[in-house]
């Protein structure tokens, strides 16, 4: 059985448990946080914004996820996420600002619908590992930071 943390169940299907910002904050990894400031420079003020305890957390939420039109939409519809919405994919998904995110959303939502939350979370957590050395990866990783192998797990 998988330990499901509700605050990590982003309504859009971008499971927070494999998010680089979440992992860098959880692990207090300053080097990783510095690298992420370059990726998110147009969305944040600086390294102090590289912190998150999950999209649905009542504590620290990454600025991009704090102002999320998808979260607003599911709240208005009184549903838990896009996996429960008949209008998926909608304008919010079509206009998602990060291509890797949009790619993952388009894969994840149909799988979440089909598998249910517990199996879907388990699959997402298992997916983000290096096929060579089994090192844990994050969404968007291009190369394993342990063995150096090129990866495409999204």
C-alpha atoms as a PDB file:
ATOM      1  CA  UNK A   1       0.000   0.000   0.000  1.00  0.00           C
ATOM      2  CA  UNK A   2       1.258   3.469  -0.902  1.00  0.00           C
ATOM      3  CA  UNK A   3       1.347   6.272   1.671  1.00  0.00           C
ATOM      4  CA  UNK A   4      -0.687   8.946  -0.115  1.00  0.00           C
ATOM      5  CA  UNK A   5      -0.079  12.504   1.016  1.00  0.00           C
ATOM      6  CA  UNK A   6      -3.104  14.547  -0.086  1.00  0.00           C
ATOM      7  CA  UNK A   7      -1.062  17.770  -0.319  1.00  0.00           C
ATOM      8  CA  UNK A   8       0.994  16.184  -3.136  1.00  0.00           C
ATOM      9  CA  UNK A   9      -2.023  15.389  -5.337  1.00  0.00           C
ATOM     10  CA  UNK A  10      -1.870  18.391  -7.666  1.00  0.00           C
ATOM     11  CA  UNK A  11      -5.233  18.742  -9.437  1.00  0.00           C
ATOM     12  CA  UNK A  12      -3.487  19.097 -12.814  1.00  0.00           C
ATOM     13  CA  UNK A  13      -1.845  15.666 -12.591  1.00  0.00           C
ATOM     14  CA  UNK A  14       1.702  16.894 -11.957  1.00  0.00           C
ATOM     15  CA  UNK A  15       2.285  14.701  -8.895  1.00  0.00           C
ATOM     16  CA  UNK A  16       4.210  16.845  -6.405  1.00  0.00           C
ATOM     17  CA  UNK A  17       6.155  13.901  -4.976  1.00  0.00           C
ATOM     18  CA  UNK A  18       8.414  13.937  -8.068  1.00  0.00           C
ATOM     19  CA  UNK A  19       8.605  17.735  -8.442  1.00  0.00           C
ATOM     20  CA  UNK A  20      12.122  19.195  -8.461  1.00  0.00           C
ATOM     21  CA  UNK A  21      11.116  22.161  -6.269  1.00  0.00           C
ATOM     22  CA  UNK A  22       9.449  19.884  -3.722  1.00  0.00           C
ATOM     23  CA  UNK A  23      12.459  17.523  -3.654  1.00  0.00           C
ATOM     24  CA  UNK A  24      15.036  20.335  -3.391  1.00  0.00           C
ATOM     25  CA  UNK A  25      13.105  21.894  -0.491  1.00  0.00           C
ATOM     26  CA  UNK A  26      12.443  18.563   1.252  1.00  0.00           C
ATOM     27  CA  UNK A  27      16.118  17.590   1.032  1.00  0.00           C
ATOM     28  CA  UNK A  28      17.358  21.117   1.856  1.00  0.00           C
ATOM     29  CA  UNK A  29      19.571  20.860  -1.240  1.00  0.00           C
ATOM     30  CA  UNK A  30      21.002  24.357  -1.812  1.00  0.00           C
ATOM     31  CA  UNK A  31      22.941  23.354  -4.941  1.00  0.00           C
ATOM     32  CA  UNK A  32      19.764  21.975  -6.530  1.00  0.00           C
ATOM     33  CA  UNK A  33      17.790  25.063  -5.446  1.00  0.00           C
ATOM     34  CA  UNK A  34      20.358  27.322  -7.140  1.00  0.00           C
ATOM     35  CA  UNK A  35      20.046  25.337 -10.370  1.00  0.00           C
ATOM     36  CA  UNK A  36      16.250  25.585 -10.203  1.00  0.00           C
ATOM     37  CA  UNK A  37      16.361  29.385  -9.857  1.00  0.00           C
ATOM     38  CA  UNK A  38      17.676  29.465 -13.439  1.00  0.00           C
ATOM     39  CA  UNK A  39      14.816  27.282 -14.694  1.00  0.00           C
ATOM     40  CA  UNK A  40      12.125  29.334 -12.954  1.00  0.00           C
ATOM     41  CA  UNK A  41      13.760  32.785 -13.127  1.00  0.00           C
ATOM     42  CA  UNK A  42      10.800  34.400 -14.902  1.00  0.00           C
ATOM     43  CA  UNK A  43       8.397  33.104 -12.217  1.00  0.00           C
ATOM     44  CA  UNK A  44      10.293  33.780  -8.960  1.00  0.00           C
ATOM     45  CA  UNK A  45      12.300  36.432  -7.133  1.00  0.00           C
ATOM     46  CA  UNK A  46      15.202  34.204  -6.109  1.00  0.00           C
ATOM     47  CA  UNK A  47      16.396  31.078  -4.314  1.00  0.00           C
ATOM     48  CA  UNK A  48      14.186  31.887  -1.325  1.00  0.00           C
ATOM     49  CA  UNK A  49      11.170  31.002  -3.513  1.00  0.00           C
ATOM     50  CA  UNK A  50      12.439  27.477  -4.223  1.00  0.00           C
ATOM     51  CA  UNK A  51      10.369  25.883  -1.503  1.00  0.00           C
ATOM     52  CA  UNK A  52       7.191  23.849  -1.484  1.00  0.00           C
ATOM     53  CA  UNK A  53       5.482  21.259   0.685  1.00  0.00           C
ATOM     54  CA  UNK A  54       3.000  20.303  -2.032  1.00  0.00           C
ATOM     55  CA  UNK A  55       0.546  22.066  -4.301  1.00  0.00           C
ATOM     56  CA  UNK A  56      -2.344  21.515  -1.885  1.00  0.00           C
ATOM     57  CA  UNK A  57      -0.335  22.153   1.275  1.00  0.00           C
ATOM     58  CA  UNK A  58      -1.503  24.717   3.782  1.00  0.00           C
ATOM     59  CA  UNK A  59       2.132  25.597   4.503  1.00  0.00           C
ATOM     60  CA  UNK A  60       4.675  26.535   1.820  1.00  0.00           C
ATOM     61  CA  UNK A  61       3.530  26.447  -1.796  1.00  0.00           C
ATOM     62  CA  UNK A  62       5.766  27.349  -4.748  1.00  0.00           C
ATOM     63  CA  UNK A  63       4.727  30.776  -6.161  1.00  0.00           C
ATOM     64  CA  UNK A  64       3.816  29.347  -9.578  1.00  0.00           C
ATOM     65  CA  UNK A  65       1.499  26.797  -7.974  1.00  0.00           C
ATOM     66  CA  UNK A  66       0.039  29.306  -5.534  1.00  0.00           C
ATOM     67  CA  UNK A  67      -1.460  31.307  -8.443  1.00  0.00           C
ATOM     68  CA  UNK A  68      -2.733  28.354 -10.452  1.00  0.00           C
ATOM     69  CA  UNK A  69      -5.736  28.734 -12.739  1.00  0.00           C
ATOM     70  CA  UNK A  70      -6.189  24.948 -12.778  1.00  0.00           C
ATOM     71  CA  UNK A  71      -6.566  24.846  -8.982  1.00  0.00           C
ATOM     72  CA  UNK A  72      -9.042  27.728  -9.183  1.00  0.00           C
ATOM     73  CA  UNK A  73     -11.007  25.884 -11.872  1.00  0.00           C
ATOM     74  CA  UNK A  74     -11.299  22.592  -9.956  1.00  0.00           C
ATOM     75  CA  UNK A  75     -12.291  24.498  -6.812  1.00  0.00           C
ATOM     76  CA  UNK A  76     -15.043  26.309  -8.747  1.00  0.00           C
ATOM     77  CA  UNK A  77     -16.273  22.974 -10.134  1.00  0.00           C
ATOM     78  CA  UNK A  78     -16.028  21.380  -6.679  1.00  0.00           C
ATOM     79  CA  UNK A  79     -13.940  18.470  -7.968  1.00  0.00           C
ATOM     80  CA  UNK A  80     -10.567  17.084  -6.877  1.00  0.00           C
ATOM     81  CA  UNK A  81      -8.750  17.464 -10.158  1.00  0.00           C
ATOM     82  CA  UNK A  82      -8.728  17.314 -13.933  1.00  0.00           C
ATOM     83  CA  UNK A  83      -9.088  13.537 -13.717  1.00  0.00           C
ATOM     84  CA  UNK A  84     -12.713  14.138 -12.632  1.00  0.00           C
ATOM     85  CA  UNK A  85     -13.464  16.762 -15.297  1.00  0.00           C
ATOM     86  CA  UNK A  86     -15.424  16.069 -18.487  1.00  0.00           C
ATOM     87  CA  UNK A  87     -13.798  19.077 -20.187  1.00  0.00           C
ATOM     88  CA  UNK A  88     -10.224  17.720 -20.031  1.00  0.00           C
ATOM     89  CA  UNK A  89      -8.115  18.813 -21.835  1.00  0.00           C
ATOM     90  CA  UNK A  90      -9.234  22.425 -21.597  1.00  0.00           C
ATOM     91  CA  UNK A  91      -7.760  25.854 -22.289  1.00  0.00           C
ATOM     92  CA  UNK A  92      -5.759  25.732 -19.040  1.00  0.00           C
ATOM     93  CA  UNK A  93      -3.997  22.561 -20.155  1.00  0.00           C
ATOM     94  CA  UNK A  94      -3.604  23.707 -23.754  1.00  0.00           C
ATOM     95  CA  UNK A  95      -1.962  26.940 -22.525  1.00  0.00           C
ATOM     96  CA  UNK A  96       0.174  25.352 -19.791  1.00  0.00           C
ATOM     97  CA  UNK A  97       3.392  27.439 -19.600  1.00  0.00           C
ATOM     98  CA  UNK A  98       5.939  24.589 -19.383  1.00  0.00           C
ATOM     99  CA  UNK A  99       6.093  22.028 -22.210  1.00  0.00           C
ATOM    100  CA  UNK A 100       7.342  19.151 -20.049  1.00  0.00           C
ATOM    101  CA  UNK A 101       4.486  19.866 -17.639  1.00  0.00           C
ATOM    102  CA  UNK A 102       1.906  19.820 -20.414  1.00  0.00           C
ATOM    103  CA  UNK A 103       3.358  16.549 -21.745  1.00  0.00           C
ATOM    104  CA  UNK A 104       3.129  14.949 -18.297  1.00  0.00           C
ATOM    105  CA  UNK A 105      -0.403  16.260 -17.681  1.00  0.00           C
ATOM    106  CA  UNK A 106      -1.597  14.789 -20.989  1.00  0.00           C
ATOM    107  CA  UNK A 107      -0.127  11.408 -19.958  1.00  0.00           C
ATOM    108  CA  UNK A 108      -1.017  11.514 -16.262  1.00  0.00           C
ATOM    109  CA  UNK A 109      -4.687  12.528 -16.232  1.00  0.00           C
ATOM    110  CA  UNK A 110      -5.946   9.599 -18.360  1.00  0.00           C
ATOM    111  CA  UNK A 111      -3.823   7.221 -16.253  1.00  0.00           C
ATOM    112  CA  UNK A 112      -5.143   8.698 -12.993  1.00  0.00           C
ATOM    113  CA  UNK A 113      -8.707   8.220 -14.266  1.00  0.00           C
ATOM    114  CA  UNK A 114      -8.038   4.633 -15.266  1.00  0.00           C
ATOM    115  CA  UNK A 115      -5.996   3.489 -12.261  1.00  0.00           C
ATOM    116  CA  UNK A 116      -7.439   5.469  -9.368  1.00  0.00           C
ATOM    117  CA  UNK A 117      -5.374   7.544  -6.974  1.00  0.00           C
ATOM    118  CA  UNK A 118      -3.468   4.844  -5.072  1.00  0.00           C
ATOM    119  CA  UNK A 119      -2.245   2.936  -8.143  1.00  0.00           C
ATOM    120  CA  UNK A 120      -1.535   6.161 -10.022  1.00  0.00           C
ATOM    121  CA  UNK A 121       0.639   7.568  -7.208  1.00  0.00           C
ATOM    122  CA  UNK A 122       2.520   4.261  -6.975  1.00  0.00           C
ATOM    123  CA  UNK A 123       3.119   4.320 -10.731  1.00  0.00           C
ATOM    124  CA  UNK A 124       4.334   7.949 -10.668  1.00  0.00           C
ATOM    125  CA  UNK A 125       6.762   7.211  -7.832  1.00  0.00           C
ATOM    126  CA  UNK A 126       8.092   4.089  -9.580  1.00  0.00           C
ATOM    127  CA  UNK A 127       8.393   5.866 -12.945  1.00  0.00           C
ATOM    128  CA  UNK A 128      10.901   8.454 -11.717  1.00  0.00           C
ATOM    129  CA  UNK A 129      13.927   6.216 -11.233  1.00  0.00           C
ATOM    130  CA  UNK A 130      17.011   5.772 -13.392  1.00  0.00           C
ATOM    131  CA  UNK A 131      16.712   2.558 -15.432  1.00  0.00           C
ATOM    132  CA  UNK A 132      20.478   2.040 -15.057  1.00  0.00           C
ATOM    133  CA  UNK A 133      21.185   2.589 -11.334  1.00  0.00           C
ATOM    134  CA  UNK A 134      17.663   3.028  -9.816  1.00  0.00           C
ATOM    135  CA  UNK A 135      18.554   6.497  -8.483  1.00  0.00           C
ATOM    136  CA  UNK A 136      15.455   8.594  -7.711  1.00  0.00           C
ATOM    137  CA  UNK A 137      14.789  11.215 -10.387  1.00  0.00           C
ATOM    138  CA  UNK A 138      12.555  14.269 -10.611  1.00  0.00           C
ATOM    139  CA  UNK A 139      10.077  15.330 -13.268  1.00  0.00           C
ATOM    140  CA  UNK A 140      11.931  16.988 -16.132  1.00  0.00           C
ATOM    141  CA  UNK A 141      15.251  15.235 -15.451  1.00  0.00           C
ATOM    142  CA  UNK A 142      17.287  14.724 -18.622  1.00  0.00           C
ATOM    143  CA  UNK A 143      20.191  12.850 -17.061  1.00  0.00           C
ATOM    144  CA  UNK A 144      20.675  10.781 -13.909  1.00  0.00           C
ATOM    145  CA  UNK A 145      22.661  12.787 -11.389  1.00  0.00           C
ATOM    146  CA  UNK A 146      24.201   9.572 -10.039  1.00  0.00           C
ATOM    147  CA  UNK A 147      25.363   7.531 -13.045  1.00  0.00           C
ATOM    148  CA  UNK A 148      25.070  10.176 -15.774  1.00  0.00           C
ATOM    149  CA  UNK A 149      22.789   8.133 -18.046  1.00  0.00           C
ATOM    150  CA  UNK A 150      20.456  10.147 -20.301  1.00  0.00           C
ATOM    151  CA  UNK A 151      16.854   9.565 -19.230  1.00  0.00           C
ATOM    152  CA  UNK A 152      13.382  10.246 -20.576  1.00  0.00           C
ATOM    153  CA  UNK A 153      10.941   9.305 -17.836  1.00  0.00           C
ATOM    154  CA  UNK A 154       8.312  11.984 -18.363  1.00  0.00           C
END
